[in-house]
Structures are given as structure tokens and as C-alpha cells.
Amino acid sequence: MFKKKTNWRYALGELLIVIIGILIAFGLNNWAQGQKDKRLAATCLENIVGDLEADISQIDSNLTNLHRTVEEINGFIPHLFSKIPGRDTLPGRMLYVIHQYVDFFPHEATFESLIHNSTHLASLPGRGTAS
């Protein structure tokens, strides 16, 4: 009968090639995931900046409206105690001006998505991982 001879050197070489291939695949996968996380973090930060810019614009608009309301009210004050025609319509006009309220609804969709999705939050720079 034939005696089968095992070539250990060849078997170890094949095993080493397979292990190196697996390690390279893991390394490439980790690199690709890191690139994806960086893109996601950049997108989240850009969205936050956009939300903040929209909020600032809305606040500036509200501030302008409030200044205009204060100027209108200050314009009414001297006429309240004078005896000019049409003085009886001033309270109604003042109530109209005073009751023009200012709304502010912050843009917080990006922030809320970060809070509710911990993987997005973890991908931001400076959040628990040393970069």
C-alpha cells in the first residue's frame, strides 16, 4: 500500500496565505468603514451648521420685527395723552401692534437625529474615540 506523505511546509504556507488574506480583508473593511464614518460626520456637521445659520437668520428677522414694534409703540405714547383727533382709535391700533408676536422654531432635525442615533453621534470627532 501507498504511504501518504503530508507536506507540512506546503500546508503551513497555504494556511499563512489564507490568514494574511483574511487580515487584509479586515483591514480594508475597517478602512472603508472609517471613510464612511468620516463622510457621515462631515455631513452631520454641515447640516448642523446649516440649521444654525437658518436659526440665526430667523432670530435676526425676529429682532428686526421686535425693533419695529418697539418703534411703533414709542410712536403711540406721545399721542395717548394729547387731545388730537382720532385718539380714540389708538388703543385698538396699539393692541394690534402689541399682539403681533414673534415665533421662533429652531431647526433641530439634525440634532434630534444625532441624539436618537448613537452611531451617528459616535462618528463625530472628539466623541470617545481617540483620532
Protein backbone atom coordinates (compact mmCIF):
# COMPACT_ATOMS: atom_id res chain seq x y z
CA MET A 1 0.00 0.00 0.00
CA PHE A 2 0.92 3.56 -0.53
CA LYS A 3 2.00 5.65 2.36
CA LYS A 4 0.71 9.18 2.06
CA LYS A 5 3.29 11.78 2.90
CA THR A 6 1.98 15.06 4.26
CA ASN A 7 3.88 18.12 3.18
CA TRP A 8 3.67 20.24 6.31
CA ARG A 9 5.62 23.08 4.83
CA TYR A 10 3.15 23.42 1.96
CA ALA A 11 0.13 23.20 4.31
CA LEU A 12 1.54 25.87 6.64
CA GLY A 13 2.28 28.12 3.66
CA GLU A 14 -1.29 27.79 2.41
CA LEU A 15 -2.64 28.47 5.90
CA LEU A 16 -0.43 31.55 6.20
CA ILE A 17 -1.66 32.86 2.83
CA VAL A 18 -5.30 32.41 3.90
CA ILE A 19 -4.67 34.17 7.24
CA ILE A 20 -2.89 37.08 5.53
CA GLY A 21 -5.76 37.37 3.04
CA ILE A 22 -8.32 37.50 5.84
CA LEU A 23 -6.30 40.12 7.73
CA ILE A 24 -6.01 42.26 4.58
CA ALA A 25 -9.78 41.96 4.02
CA PHE A 26 -10.48 43.05 7.63
CA GLY A 27 -8.06 45.95 7.26
CA LEU A 28 -9.71 47.13 4.04
CA ASN A 29 -13.15 46.78 5.61
CA ASN A 30 -12.10 48.82 8.65
CA TRP A 31 -10.56 51.49 6.41
CA ALA A 32 -13.74 51.68 4.29
CA GLN A 33 -15.90 51.93 7.42
CA GLY A 34 -13.66 54.71 8.74
CA GLN A 35 -14.06 56.64 5.48
CA LYS A 36 -17.82 56.16 5.63
CA ASP A 37 -17.89 57.40 9.24
CA LYS A 38 -15.85 60.48 8.29
CA ARG A 39 -18.24 61.31 5.45
CA LEU A 40 -21.22 60.83 7.77
CA ALA A 41 -19.65 63.05 10.43
CA ALA A 42 -18.89 65.75 7.86
CA THR A 43 -22.47 65.61 6.56
CA CYS A 44 -23.89 65.84 10.09
CA LEU A 45 -21.68 68.81 10.93
CA GLU A 46 -22.61 70.56 7.67
CA ASN A 47 -26.29 70.01 8.44
CA ILE A 48 -25.85 71.39 11.97
CA VAL A 49 -24.09 74.47 10.57
CA GLY A 50 -26.93 74.92 8.07
CA ASP A 51 -29.52 74.60 10.85
CA LEU A 52 -27.67 77.15 12.98
CA GLU A 53 -27.40 79.59 10.07
CA ALA A 54 -31.15 79.26 9.44
CA ASP A 55 -31.81 79.83 13.16
CA ILE A 56 -29.59 82.93 13.17
CA SER A 57 -31.41 84.28 10.12
CA GLN A 58 -34.76 83.69 11.80
CA ILE A 59 -33.58 85.34 15.03
CA ASP A 60 -32.28 88.35 13.09
CA SER A 61 -35.64 88.68 11.35
CA ASN A 62 -37.45 88.41 14.68
CA LEU A 63 -35.16 91.04 16.19
CA THR A 64 -35.91 93.41 13.30
CA ASN A 65 -39.64 92.86 13.81
CA LEU A 66 -39.33 93.48 17.55
CA HIS A 67 -37.42 96.73 16.97
CA ARG A 68 -40.12 97.86 14.55
CA THR A 69 -42.81 97.00 17.12
CA VAL A 70 -40.99 98.98 19.83
CA GLU A 71 -40.69 101.96 17.47
CA GLU A 72 -44.41 101.80 16.67
CA ILE A 73 -45.32 101.62 20.36
CA ASN A 74 -42.99 104.52 21.14
CA GLY A 75 -44.74 106.46 18.37
CA PHE A 76 -48.11 105.90 20.06
CA ILE A 77 -47.06 107.01 23.53
CA PRO A 78 -46.93 110.80 22.90
CA HIS A 79 -50.42 110.69 21.36
CA LEU A 80 -52.04 108.85 24.26
CA PHE A 81 -52.34 111.91 26.47
CA SER A 82 -52.88 114.54 23.78
CA LYS A 83 -56.15 115.87 22.50
CA ILE A 84 -55.74 115.10 18.81
CA PRO A 85 -58.49 113.85 16.50
CA GLY A 86 -58.53 110.07 16.10
CA ARG A 87 -57.12 109.48 19.55
CA ASP A 88 -59.90 107.01 20.28
CA THR A 89 -58.51 104.61 17.64
CA LEU A 90 -55.06 104.48 19.26
CA PRO A 91 -55.85 101.73 21.80
CA GLY A 92 -57.12 99.44 19.06
CA ARG A 93 -54.09 100.07 16.88
CA MET A 94 -51.77 99.63 19.87
CA LEU A 95 -53.37 96.29 20.74
CA TYR A 96 -52.88 95.18 17.16
CA VAL A 97 -49.19 96.15 17.26
CA ILE A 98 -48.61 94.64 20.70
CA HIS A 99 -50.29 91.36 19.81
CA GLN A 100 -48.07 90.77 16.82
CA TYR A 101 -45.99 88.10 18.41
CA VAL A 102 -42.73 86.69 17.19
CA ASP A 103 -42.33 82.97 16.56
CA PHE A 104 -39.10 81.09 16.81
CA PHE A 105 -38.97 77.44 15.89
CA PRO A 106 -35.38 76.19 15.91
CA HIS A 107 -34.21 73.84 13.19
CA GLU A 108 -33.36 70.82 15.28
CA ALA A 109 -33.92 67.85 12.97
CA THR A 110 -30.20 67.14 12.60
CA PHE A 111 -29.62 67.46 16.33
CA GLU A 112 -32.55 65.14 17.10
CA SER A 113 -31.32 62.55 14.61
CA LEU A 114 -27.89 62.62 16.27
CA ILE A 115 -29.39 62.17 19.72
CA HIS A 116 -31.60 59.27 18.64
CA ASN A 117 -28.96 57.52 16.53
CA SER A 118 -25.92 56.79 18.66
CA THR A 119 -23.86 55.51 15.72
CA HIS A 120 -24.03 58.97 14.10
CA LEU A 121 -23.12 60.62 17.39
CA ALA A 122 -20.19 58.26 17.92
CA SER A 123 -18.81 59.05 14.46
CA LEU A 124 -18.39 62.75 15.26
CA PRO A 125 -14.82 63.80 16.03
CA GLY A 126 -13.88 64.06 19.68
CA ARG A 127 -16.63 61.71 20.89
CA GLY A 128 -14.99 58.97 22.92
CA THR A 129 -12.56 57.73 20.29
CA ALA A 130 -9.01 58.94 20.01
CA SER A 131 -8.42 60.16 16.48
